[in-house]
């Protein structure tokens, strides 16, 4: 009986490992192929005979896209827009999610449901209203306007995620801080936020990645290289009679590097935030 159970457990483990390896390969294979393509010459890329690795690896694609295009400016625009989006979402979303979690007020659940409904609509339906609003306030083709547009669909996600972390807090923490002389904001900053910092970091990273990779709003709400982001810049490199695969692959690899560095720096904090969801004494 024991041997049968061990054999069954071993089979289940092998099946689980097989499924995990399959999905790992499915997720990493395109990235690996992108990196390989970025080191190929144009002749190897468009050749009728498929080559799985570059016979003569070159770095020309990286040099050309960095020196002969506006890609550095596009990356800085994306970084600026991402930082502004994260700052707005963290500032507004933290206050809102804490209020939804810890306070009672009329229309609380209806407003929460409204935020959820906003996420249900496709982003393309918001393009025309946002375009008109941005044009009215003179925010078209600006990084601030783009950050506000990103906030319109990322803030509900931030609020819902952070509300779950705040819900796990003991309700008497703020009362104890208020008795010690803290204001509500003081209690939030000094007592509450340190307890949910892992969840706050994880949520902020999700917002940053979504903002960094966003394409549709950046395409429709920007018209010049002064505020255009890197996804739009890569797409505009594709011409009617030109498809620079090598440059596009190099640009894709460069755009992934900041995300990889961010994950490397905060991976432990992010994992703790996603797996805890509660305060541990």
C-alpha atoms as a PDB file:
ATOM      1  CA  UNK A   1       0.000   0.000   0.000  1.00  0.00           C
ATOM      2  CA  UNK A   2       2.793   2.399   0.922  1.00  0.00           C
ATOM      3  CA  UNK A   3       4.684   1.605  -2.291  1.00  0.00           C
ATOM      4  CA  UNK A   4       1.527   2.233  -4.313  1.00  0.00           C
ATOM      5  CA  UNK A   5       1.034   5.610  -2.657  1.00  0.00           C
ATOM      6  CA  UNK A   6       4.660   6.523  -3.265  1.00  0.00           C
ATOM      7  CA  UNK A   7       4.384   5.497  -6.912  1.00  0.00           C
ATOM      8  CA  UNK A   8       1.207   7.543  -7.323  1.00  0.00           C
ATOM      9  CA  UNK A   9       2.835  10.560  -5.667  1.00  0.00           C
ATOM     10  CA  UNK A  10       5.886  10.193  -7.906  1.00  0.00           C
ATOM     11  CA  UNK A  11       3.682  10.118 -11.001  1.00  0.00           C
ATOM     12  CA  UNK A  12       1.821  13.220  -9.853  1.00  0.00           C
ATOM     13  CA  UNK A  13       5.128  14.991  -9.236  1.00  0.00           C
ATOM     14  CA  UNK A  14       6.423  14.115 -12.693  1.00  0.00           C
ATOM     15  CA  UNK A  15       3.181  15.306 -14.283  1.00  0.00           C
ATOM     16  CA  UNK A  16       3.369  18.566 -12.335  1.00  0.00           C
ATOM     17  CA  UNK A  17       6.998  19.081 -13.352  1.00  0.00           C
ATOM     18  CA  UNK A  18       6.139  18.312 -16.960  1.00  0.00           C
ATOM     19  CA  UNK A  19       3.326  20.855 -17.028  1.00  0.00           C
ATOM     20  CA  UNK A  20       5.534  23.479 -15.351  1.00  0.00           C
ATOM     21  CA  UNK A  21       8.373  22.878 -17.836  1.00  0.00           C
ATOM     22  CA  UNK A  22       5.959  23.107 -20.761  1.00  0.00           C
ATOM     23  CA  UNK A  23       4.590  26.464 -19.700  1.00  0.00           C
ATOM     24  CA  UNK A  24       8.091  27.686 -18.830  1.00  0.00           C
ATOM     25  CA  UNK A  25       9.251  26.817 -22.330  1.00  0.00           C
ATOM     26  CA  UNK A  26       6.109  28.349 -23.833  1.00  0.00           C
ATOM     27  CA  UNK A  27       6.814  31.618 -22.009  1.00  0.00           C
ATOM     28  CA  UNK A  28      10.587  31.813 -22.438  1.00  0.00           C
ATOM     29  CA  UNK A  29      10.959  30.541 -26.013  1.00  0.00           C
ATOM     30  CA  UNK A  30       9.762  33.792 -27.679  1.00  0.00           C
ATOM     31  CA  UNK A  31      12.126  35.861 -25.522  1.00  0.00           C
ATOM     32  CA  UNK A  32      15.073  33.594 -26.307  1.00  0.00           C
ATOM     33  CA  UNK A  33      14.237  33.725 -30.015  1.00  0.00           C
ATOM     34  CA  UNK A  34      14.009  37.527 -29.819  1.00  0.00           C
ATOM     35  CA  UNK A  35      17.486  37.728 -28.284  1.00  0.00           C
ATOM     36  CA  UNK A  36      18.916  35.356 -30.905  1.00  0.00           C
ATOM     37  CA  UNK A  37      17.328  37.346 -33.740  1.00  0.00           C
ATOM     38  CA  UNK A  38      18.784  40.591 -32.424  1.00  0.00           C
ATOM     39  CA  UNK A  39      22.286  39.248 -33.091  1.00  0.00           C
ATOM     40  CA  UNK A  40      21.536  38.057 -36.637  1.00  0.00           C
ATOM     41  CA  UNK A  41      22.242  39.940 -39.821  1.00  0.00           C
ATOM     42  CA  UNK A  42      19.330  40.893 -42.052  1.00  0.00           C
ATOM     43  CA  UNK A  43      20.400  38.227 -44.540  1.00  0.00           C
ATOM     44  CA  UNK A  44      20.157  35.468 -41.948  1.00  0.00           C
ATOM     45  CA  UNK A  45      16.793  36.691 -40.708  1.00  0.00           C
ATOM     46  CA  UNK A  46      15.028  36.819 -44.083  1.00  0.00           C
ATOM     47  CA  UNK A  47      16.772  33.763 -45.482  1.00  0.00           C
ATOM     48  CA  UNK A  48      14.545  30.987 -46.791  1.00  0.00           C
ATOM     49  CA  UNK A  49      16.590  28.519 -44.746  1.00  0.00           C
ATOM     50  CA  UNK A  50      15.774  28.854 -41.046  1.00  0.00           C
ATOM     51  CA  UNK A  51      18.814  29.369 -38.815  1.00  0.00           C
ATOM     52  CA  UNK A  52      18.397  28.692 -35.134  1.00  0.00           C
ATOM     53  CA  UNK A  53      21.454  30.679 -34.090  1.00  0.00           C
ATOM     54  CA  UNK A  54      23.565  33.390 -35.772  1.00  0.00           C
ATOM     55  CA  UNK A  55      26.592  31.960 -37.556  1.00  0.00           C
ATOM     56  CA  UNK A  56      28.356  35.322 -37.283  1.00  0.00           C
ATOM     57  CA  UNK A  57      26.840  37.167 -34.284  1.00  0.00           C
ATOM     58  CA  UNK A  58      26.777  40.935 -34.720  1.00  0.00           C
ATOM     59  CA  UNK A  59      25.904  43.844 -32.435  1.00  0.00           C
ATOM     60  CA  UNK A  60      25.167  46.197 -35.323  1.00  0.00           C
ATOM     61  CA  UNK A  61      21.432  46.160 -34.642  1.00  0.00           C
ATOM     62  CA  UNK A  62      21.939  47.500 -31.114  1.00  0.00           C
ATOM     63  CA  UNK A  63      24.368  50.175 -32.274  1.00  0.00           C
ATOM     64  CA  UNK A  64      22.103  51.305 -35.121  1.00  0.00           C
ATOM     65  CA  UNK A  65      18.907  51.514 -33.092  1.00  0.00           C
ATOM     66  CA  UNK A  66      20.662  53.406 -30.303  1.00  0.00           C
ATOM     67  CA  UNK A  67      22.630  55.846 -32.463  1.00  0.00           C
ATOM     68  CA  UNK A  68      20.592  56.248 -35.638  1.00  0.00           C
ATOM     69  CA  UNK A  69      17.083  56.454 -34.218  1.00  0.00           C
ATOM     70  CA  UNK A  70      15.151  58.280 -31.512  1.00  0.00           C
ATOM     71  CA  UNK A  71      15.002  55.138 -29.397  1.00  0.00           C
ATOM     72  CA  UNK A  72      16.917  56.611 -26.404  1.00  0.00           C
ATOM     73  CA  UNK A  73      14.423  59.489 -26.324  1.00  0.00           C
ATOM     74  CA  UNK A  74      11.530  57.043 -26.570  1.00  0.00           C
ATOM     75  CA  UNK A  75      12.897  55.041 -23.643  1.00  0.00           C
ATOM     76  CA  UNK A  76      13.236  58.175 -21.519  1.00  0.00           C
ATOM     77  CA  UNK A  77       9.678  59.192 -22.431  1.00  0.00           C
ATOM     78  CA  UNK A  78       8.427  55.765 -21.350  1.00  0.00           C
ATOM     79  CA  UNK A  79      10.383  55.992 -18.105  1.00  0.00           C
ATOM     80  CA  UNK A  80       9.017  59.457 -17.351  1.00  0.00           C
ATOM     81  CA  UNK A  81       5.442  58.443 -18.111  1.00  0.00           C
ATOM     82  CA  UNK A  82       5.759  55.245 -16.071  1.00  0.00           C
ATOM     83  CA  UNK A  83       7.121  57.091 -13.034  1.00  0.00           C
ATOM     84  CA  UNK A  84       4.316  59.668 -13.151  1.00  0.00           C
ATOM     85  CA  UNK A  85       1.696  56.932 -13.520  1.00  0.00           C
ATOM     86  CA  UNK A  86       3.062  54.990 -10.552  1.00  0.00           C
ATOM     87  CA  UNK A  87       3.259  58.124  -8.393  1.00  0.00           C
ATOM     88  CA  UNK A  88      -0.337  59.091  -9.178  1.00  0.00           C
ATOM     89  CA  UNK A  89      -1.679  55.569  -8.640  1.00  0.00           C
ATOM     90  CA  UNK A  90       0.253  55.038  -5.415  1.00  0.00           C
ATOM     91  CA  UNK A  91      -0.752  58.416  -3.964  1.00  0.00           C
ATOM     92  CA  UNK A  92      -4.417  58.379  -4.929  1.00  0.00           C
ATOM     93  CA  UNK A  93      -4.910  54.613  -4.880  1.00  0.00           C
ATOM     94  CA  UNK A  94      -3.439  54.120  -1.415  1.00  0.00           C
ATOM     95  CA  UNK A  95      -5.753  56.707   0.135  1.00  0.00           C
ATOM     96  CA  UNK A  96      -8.765  55.365  -1.768  1.00  0.00           C
ATOM     97  CA  UNK A  97      -8.130  51.673  -1.061  1.00  0.00           C
ATOM     98  CA  UNK A  98      -7.538  52.336   2.640  1.00  0.00           C
ATOM     99  CA  UNK A  99     -10.765  54.335   2.830  1.00  0.00           C
ATOM    100  CA  UNK A 100     -12.713  51.546   1.118  1.00  0.00           C
ATOM    101  CA  UNK A 101     -11.210  48.984   3.464  1.00  0.00           C
ATOM    102  CA  UNK A 102     -11.431  50.696   6.840  1.00  0.00           C
ATOM    103  CA  UNK A 103     -14.258  53.239   6.649  1.00  0.00           C
ATOM    104  CA  UNK A 104     -17.985  53.128   6.107  1.00  0.00           C
ATOM    105  CA  UNK A 105     -19.644  55.776   3.956  1.00  0.00           C
ATOM    106  CA  UNK A 106     -22.713  55.979   1.683  1.00  0.00           C
ATOM    107  CA  UNK A 107     -22.211  54.459  -1.765  1.00  0.00           C
ATOM    108  CA  UNK A 108     -19.058  52.575  -0.762  1.00  0.00           C
ATOM    109  CA  UNK A 109     -19.914  49.264  -2.411  1.00  0.00           C
ATOM    110  CA  UNK A 110     -21.546  50.905  -5.419  1.00  0.00           C
ATOM    111  CA  UNK A 111     -18.365  52.891  -6.020  1.00  0.00           C
ATOM    112  CA  UNK A 112     -16.223  49.781  -5.670  1.00  0.00           C
ATOM    113  CA  UNK A 113     -18.442  48.010  -8.177  1.00  0.00           C
ATOM    114  CA  UNK A 114     -18.141  50.984 -10.514  1.00  0.00           C
ATOM    115  CA  UNK A 115     -14.336  50.698 -10.423  1.00  0.00           C
ATOM    116  CA  UNK A 116     -14.658  47.027 -11.284  1.00  0.00           C
ATOM    117  CA  UNK A 117     -17.032  47.775 -14.166  1.00  0.00           C
ATOM    118  CA  UNK A 118     -14.531  50.287 -15.584  1.00  0.00           C
ATOM    119  CA  UNK A 119     -12.026  47.437 -15.922  1.00  0.00           C
ATOM    120  CA  UNK A 120     -14.577  45.353 -17.828  1.00  0.00           C
ATOM    121  CA  UNK A 121     -14.768  47.726 -20.794  1.00  0.00           C
ATOM    122  CA  UNK A 122     -12.153  47.470 -23.555  1.00  0.00           C
ATOM    123  CA  UNK A 123      -9.609  50.265 -23.437  1.00  0.00           C
ATOM    124  CA  UNK A 124     -10.351  51.176 -27.055  1.00  0.00           C
ATOM    125  CA  UNK A 125     -13.802  52.464 -26.005  1.00  0.00           C
ATOM    126  CA  UNK A 126     -12.106  55.124 -23.849  1.00  0.00           C
ATOM    127  CA  UNK A 127      -9.891  56.508 -26.594  1.00  0.00           C
ATOM    128  CA  UNK A 128     -12.293  59.077 -28.073  1.00  0.00           C
ATOM    129  CA  UNK A 129     -13.548  60.500 -24.721  1.00  0.00           C
ATOM    130  CA  UNK A 130      -9.979  60.688 -23.423  1.00  0.00           C
ATOM    131  CA  UNK A 131      -8.809  62.343 -26.638  1.00  0.00           C
ATOM    132  CA  UNK A 132     -11.485  65.028 -26.326  1.00  0.00           C
ATOM    133  CA  UNK A 133     -10.734  65.611 -22.636  1.00  0.00           C
ATOM    134  CA  UNK A 134      -6.997  65.817 -23.243  1.00  0.00           C
ATOM    135  CA  UNK A 135      -7.473  68.238 -26.115  1.00  0.00           C
ATOM    136  CA  UNK A 136      -9.761  70.446 -24.017  1.00  0.00           C
ATOM    137  CA  UNK A 137      -7.199  70.702 -21.210  1.00  0.00           C
ATOM    138  CA  UNK A 138      -4.204  70.995 -23.530  1.00  0.00           C
ATOM    139  CA  UNK A 139      -2.710  67.670 -22.417  1.00  0.00           C
ATOM    140  CA  UNK A 140      -2.495  66.004 -25.815  1.00  0.00           C
ATOM    141  CA  UNK A 141       0.975  64.863 -26.776  1.00  0.00           C
ATOM    142  CA  UNK A 142       2.337  65.301 -23.233  1.00  0.00           C
ATOM    143  CA  UNK A 143       3.760  62.793 -20.782  1.00  0.00           C
ATOM    144  CA  UNK A 144       1.432  64.060 -18.043  1.00  0.00           C
ATOM    145  CA  UNK A 145      -1.624  63.560 -20.236  1.00  0.00           C
ATOM    146  CA  UNK A 146      -0.469  60.056 -21.116  1.00  0.00           C
ATOM    147  CA  UNK A 147       0.124  59.256 -17.437  1.00  0.00           C
ATOM    148  CA  UNK A 148      -3.384  60.434 -16.571  1.00  0.00           C
ATOM    149  CA  UNK A 149      -4.785  58.274 -19.375  1.00  0.00           C
ATOM    150  CA  UNK A 150      -2.926  55.249 -18.008  1.00  0.00           C
ATOM    151  CA  UNK A 151      -4.215  56.039 -14.535  1.00  0.00           C
ATOM    152  CA  UNK A 152      -7.807  55.873 -15.799  1.00  0.00           C
ATOM    153  CA  UNK A 153      -7.577  52.099 -16.251  1.00  0.00           C
ATOM    154  CA  UNK A 154      -4.753  51.219 -13.824  1.00  0.00           C
ATOM    155  CA  UNK A 155      -6.106  53.008 -10.747  1.00  0.00           C
ATOM    156  CA  UNK A 156      -9.107  50.634 -10.322  1.00  0.00           C
ATOM    157  CA  UNK A 157      -6.711  47.681 -10.453  1.00  0.00           C
ATOM    158  CA  UNK A 158      -4.490  49.307  -7.840  1.00  0.00           C
ATOM    159  CA  UNK A 159      -7.436  50.063  -5.537  1.00  0.00           C
ATOM    160  CA  UNK A 160      -8.848  46.543  -5.690  1.00  0.00           C
ATOM    161  CA  UNK A 161      -5.469  44.901  -5.097  1.00  0.00           C
ATOM    162  CA  UNK A 162      -4.478  47.170  -2.221  1.00  0.00           C
ATOM    163  CA  UNK A 163      -7.900  46.880  -0.593  1.00  0.00           C
ATOM    164  CA  UNK A 164      -7.211  43.187  -0.098  1.00  0.00           C
ATOM    165  CA  UNK A 165      -4.007  43.953   1.804  1.00  0.00           C
ATOM    166  CA  UNK A 166      -5.685  46.609   3.940  1.00  0.00           C
ATOM    167  CA  UNK A 167      -8.581  44.251   4.713  1.00  0.00           C
ATOM    168  CA  UNK A 168      -6.111  41.895   6.405  1.00  0.00           C
ATOM    169  CA  UNK A 169      -5.071  44.541   8.929  1.00  0.00           C
ATOM    170  CA  UNK A 170      -6.524  44.583  12.464  1.00  0.00           C
ATOM    171  CA  UNK A 171      -9.144  47.356  12.560  1.00  0.00           C
ATOM    172  CA  UNK A 172      -7.858  48.795  15.846  1.00  0.00           C
ATOM    173  CA  UNK A 173      -4.426  49.793  14.561  1.00  0.00           C
ATOM    174  CA  UNK A 174      -5.497  53.256  13.472  1.00  0.00           C
ATOM    175  CA  UNK A 175      -7.434  53.813  16.701  1.00  0.00           C
ATOM    176  CA  UNK A 176      -4.362  52.969  18.735  1.00  0.00           C
ATOM    177  CA  UNK A 177      -2.259  55.366  16.643  1.00  0.00           C
ATOM    178  CA  UNK A 178      -4.894  58.110  17.014  1.00  0.00           C
ATOM    179  CA  UNK A 179      -4.849  57.671  20.791  1.00  0.00           C
ATOM    180  CA  UNK A 180      -1.071  58.175  20.700  1.00  0.00           C
ATOM    181  CA  UNK A 181      -1.586  61.515  18.965  1.00  0.00           C
ATOM    182  CA  UNK A 182      -1.348  60.672  15.258  1.00  0.00           C
ATOM    183  CA  UNK A 183      -3.678  62.178  12.716  1.00  0.00           C
ATOM    184  CA  UNK A 184      -5.389  59.875  10.226  1.00  0.00           C
ATOM    185  CA  UNK A 185      -2.754  60.574   7.595  1.00  0.00           C
ATOM    186  CA  UNK A 186      -0.023  60.229  10.191  1.00  0.00           C
ATOM    187  CA  UNK A 187      -1.400  56.858  11.301  1.00  0.00           C
ATOM    188  CA  UNK A 188      -1.578  55.709   7.691  1.00  0.00           C
ATOM    189  CA  UNK A 189       1.983  56.755   6.876  1.00  0.00           C
ATOM    190  CA  UNK A 190       3.682  55.744  10.135  1.00  0.00           C
ATOM    191  CA  UNK A 191       1.749  52.642  11.175  1.00  0.00           C
ATOM    192  CA  UNK A 192      -0.338  51.193   8.364  1.00  0.00           C
ATOM    193  CA  UNK A 193       1.877  51.532   5.288  1.00  0.00           C
ATOM    194  CA  UNK A 194       4.962  49.884   6.857  1.00  0.00           C
ATOM    195  CA  UNK A 195       2.799  46.813   7.512  1.00  0.00           C
ATOM    196  CA  UNK A 196       1.623  46.529   3.896  1.00  0.00           C
ATOM    197  CA  UNK A 197       4.813  47.709   2.186  1.00  0.00           C
ATOM    198  CA  UNK A 198       5.321  44.358   0.432  1.00  0.00           C
ATOM    199  CA  UNK A 199       1.829  44.425  -1.028  1.00  0.00           C
ATOM    200  CA  UNK A 200       2.251  48.072  -1.980  1.00  0.00           C
ATOM    201  CA  UNK A 201       5.502  47.274  -3.771  1.00  0.00           C
ATOM    202  CA  UNK A 202       3.972  44.340  -5.639  1.00  0.00           C
ATOM    203  CA  UNK A 203       0.960  46.390  -6.751  1.00  0.00           C
ATOM    204  CA  UNK A 204       3.133  49.323  -7.795  1.00  0.00           C
ATOM    205  CA  UNK A 205       5.266  46.976  -9.901  1.00  0.00           C
ATOM    206  CA  UNK A 206       2.202  45.669 -11.705  1.00  0.00           C
ATOM    207  CA  UNK A 207       1.190  49.244 -12.488  1.00  0.00           C
ATOM    208  CA  UNK A 208       4.708  50.104 -13.658  1.00  0.00           C
ATOM    209  CA  UNK A 209       4.908  47.127 -16.019  1.00  0.00           C
ATOM    210  CA  UNK A 210       1.469  47.811 -17.484  1.00  0.00           C
ATOM    211  CA  UNK A 211       2.389  51.457 -18.038  1.00  0.00           C
ATOM    212  CA  UNK A 212       5.799  50.626 -19.509  1.00  0.00           C
ATOM    213  CA  UNK A 213       4.339  48.223 -22.092  1.00  0.00           C
ATOM    214  CA  UNK A 214       1.132  50.131 -22.972  1.00  0.00           C
ATOM    215  CA  UNK A 215       0.694  50.763 -26.686  1.00  0.00           C
ATOM    216  CA  UNK A 216      -2.841  51.791 -27.655  1.00  0.00           C
ATOM    217  CA  UNK A 217      -3.185  54.991 -25.616  1.00  0.00           C
ATOM    218  CA  UNK A 218       0.378  56.030 -26.445  1.00  0.00           C
ATOM    219  CA  UNK A 219      -0.359  55.602 -30.147  1.00  0.00           C
ATOM    220  CA  UNK A 220      -3.561  57.641 -30.131  1.00  0.00           C
ATOM    221  CA  UNK A 221      -2.630  60.388 -27.646  1.00  0.00           C
ATOM    222  CA  UNK A 222       0.909  61.232 -28.797  1.00  0.00           C
ATOM    223  CA  UNK A 223       2.042  62.642 -32.132  1.00  0.00           C
ATOM    224  CA  UNK A 224       5.694  63.636 -31.664  1.00  0.00           C
ATOM    225  CA  UNK A 225       8.899  62.086 -30.367  1.00  0.00           C
ATOM    226  CA  UNK A 226       8.789  64.504 -27.431  1.00  0.00           C
ATOM    227  CA  UNK A 227       6.258  62.317 -25.595  1.00  0.00           C
ATOM    228  CA  UNK A 228       5.968  59.153 -27.710  1.00  0.00           C
ATOM    229  CA  UNK A 229       6.886  55.938 -25.891  1.00  0.00           C
ATOM    230  CA  UNK A 230       9.007  53.020 -27.034  1.00  0.00           C
ATOM    231  CA  UNK A 231       6.189  50.620 -28.145  1.00  0.00           C
ATOM    232  CA  UNK A 232       4.882  53.270 -30.556  1.00  0.00           C
ATOM    233  CA  UNK A 233       8.402  54.091 -31.718  1.00  0.00           C
ATOM    234  CA  UNK A 234       9.079  50.461 -32.601  1.00  0.00           C
ATOM    235  CA  UNK A 235       5.810  50.177 -34.490  1.00  0.00           C
ATOM    236  CA  UNK A 236       6.551  53.318 -36.498  1.00  0.00           C
ATOM    237  CA  UNK A 237       9.835  51.794 -37.669  1.00  0.00           C
ATOM    238  CA  UNK A 238       7.804  49.445 -39.852  1.00  0.00           C
ATOM    239  CA  UNK A 239       7.395  51.046 -43.273  1.00  0.00           C
ATOM    240  CA  UNK A 240       5.414  50.118 -46.368  1.00  0.00           C
ATOM    241  CA  UNK A 241       8.437  48.518 -48.012  1.00  0.00           C
ATOM    242  CA  UNK A 242      10.637  47.983 -44.980  1.00  0.00           C
ATOM    243  CA  UNK A 243      10.498  45.608 -42.043  1.00  0.00           C
ATOM    244  CA  UNK A 244      13.766  45.875 -40.056  1.00  0.00           C
ATOM    245  CA  UNK A 245      13.529  42.663 -38.071  1.00  0.00           C
ATOM    246  CA  UNK A 246      16.998  43.033 -36.590  1.00  0.00           C
ATOM    247  CA  UNK A 247      16.399  46.550 -35.307  1.00  0.00           C
ATOM    248  CA  UNK A 248      12.975  45.607 -33.955  1.00  0.00           C
ATOM    249  CA  UNK A 249      14.431  42.623 -32.121  1.00  0.00           C
ATOM    250  CA  UNK A 250      17.230  44.744 -30.661  1.00  0.00           C
ATOM    251  CA  UNK A 251      14.716  47.374 -29.571  1.00  0.00           C
ATOM    252  CA  UNK A 252      12.595  44.689 -27.934  1.00  0.00           C
ATOM    253  CA  UNK A 253      15.566  43.318 -26.007  1.00  0.00           C
ATOM    254  CA  UNK A 254      16.595  46.798 -24.834  1.00  0.00           C
ATOM    255  CA  UNK A 255      13.039  47.523 -23.677  1.00  0.00           C
ATOM    256  CA  UNK A 256      12.968  44.294 -21.642  1.00  0.00           C
ATOM    257  CA  UNK A 257      16.170  45.108 -19.750  1.00  0.00           C
ATOM    258  CA  UNK A 258      14.615  47.744 -17.392  1.00  0.00           C
ATOM    259  CA  UNK A 259      11.847  45.308 -16.432  1.00  0.00           C
ATOM    260  CA  UNK A 260      14.371  42.542 -15.742  1.00  0.00           C
ATOM    261  CA  UNK A 261      16.483  44.880 -13.614  1.00  0.00           C
ATOM    262  CA  UNK A 262      13.389  46.000 -11.687  1.00  0.00           C
ATOM    263  CA  UNK A 263      12.398  42.403 -10.974  1.00  0.00           C
ATOM    264  CA  UNK A 264      15.942  41.543  -9.913  1.00  0.00           C
ATOM    265  CA  UNK A 265      15.938  44.396  -7.397  1.00  0.00           C
ATOM    266  CA  UNK A 266      12.515  43.829  -5.860  1.00  0.00           C
ATOM    267  CA  UNK A 267      11.733  40.172  -6.523  1.00  0.00           C
ATOM    268  CA  UNK A 268      11.847  39.118  -2.859  1.00  0.00           C
ATOM    269  CA  UNK A 269       9.643  41.999  -1.771  1.00  0.00           C
ATOM    270  CA  UNK A 270       7.219  41.313  -4.598  1.00  0.00           C
ATOM    271  CA  UNK A 271       6.964  37.596  -3.823  1.00  0.00           C
ATOM    272  CA  UNK A 272       6.379  38.301  -0.135  1.00  0.00           C
ATOM    273  CA  UNK A 273       3.690  40.811  -1.046  1.00  0.00           C
ATOM    274  CA  UNK A 274       1.883  38.417  -3.368  1.00  0.00           C
ATOM    275  CA  UNK A 275       2.051  35.419  -1.058  1.00  0.00           C
ATOM    276  CA  UNK A 276       1.331  37.041   2.291  1.00  0.00           C
ATOM    277  CA  UNK A 277      -1.619  39.358   1.860  1.00  0.00           C
ATOM    278  CA  UNK A 278      -1.728  39.728   5.631  1.00  0.00           C
ATOM    279  CA  UNK A 279       0.228  41.065   8.547  1.00  0.00           C
ATOM    280  CA  UNK A 280       2.336  38.538  10.377  1.00  0.00           C
ATOM    281  CA  UNK A 281       3.387  39.310  13.879  1.00  0.00           C
END
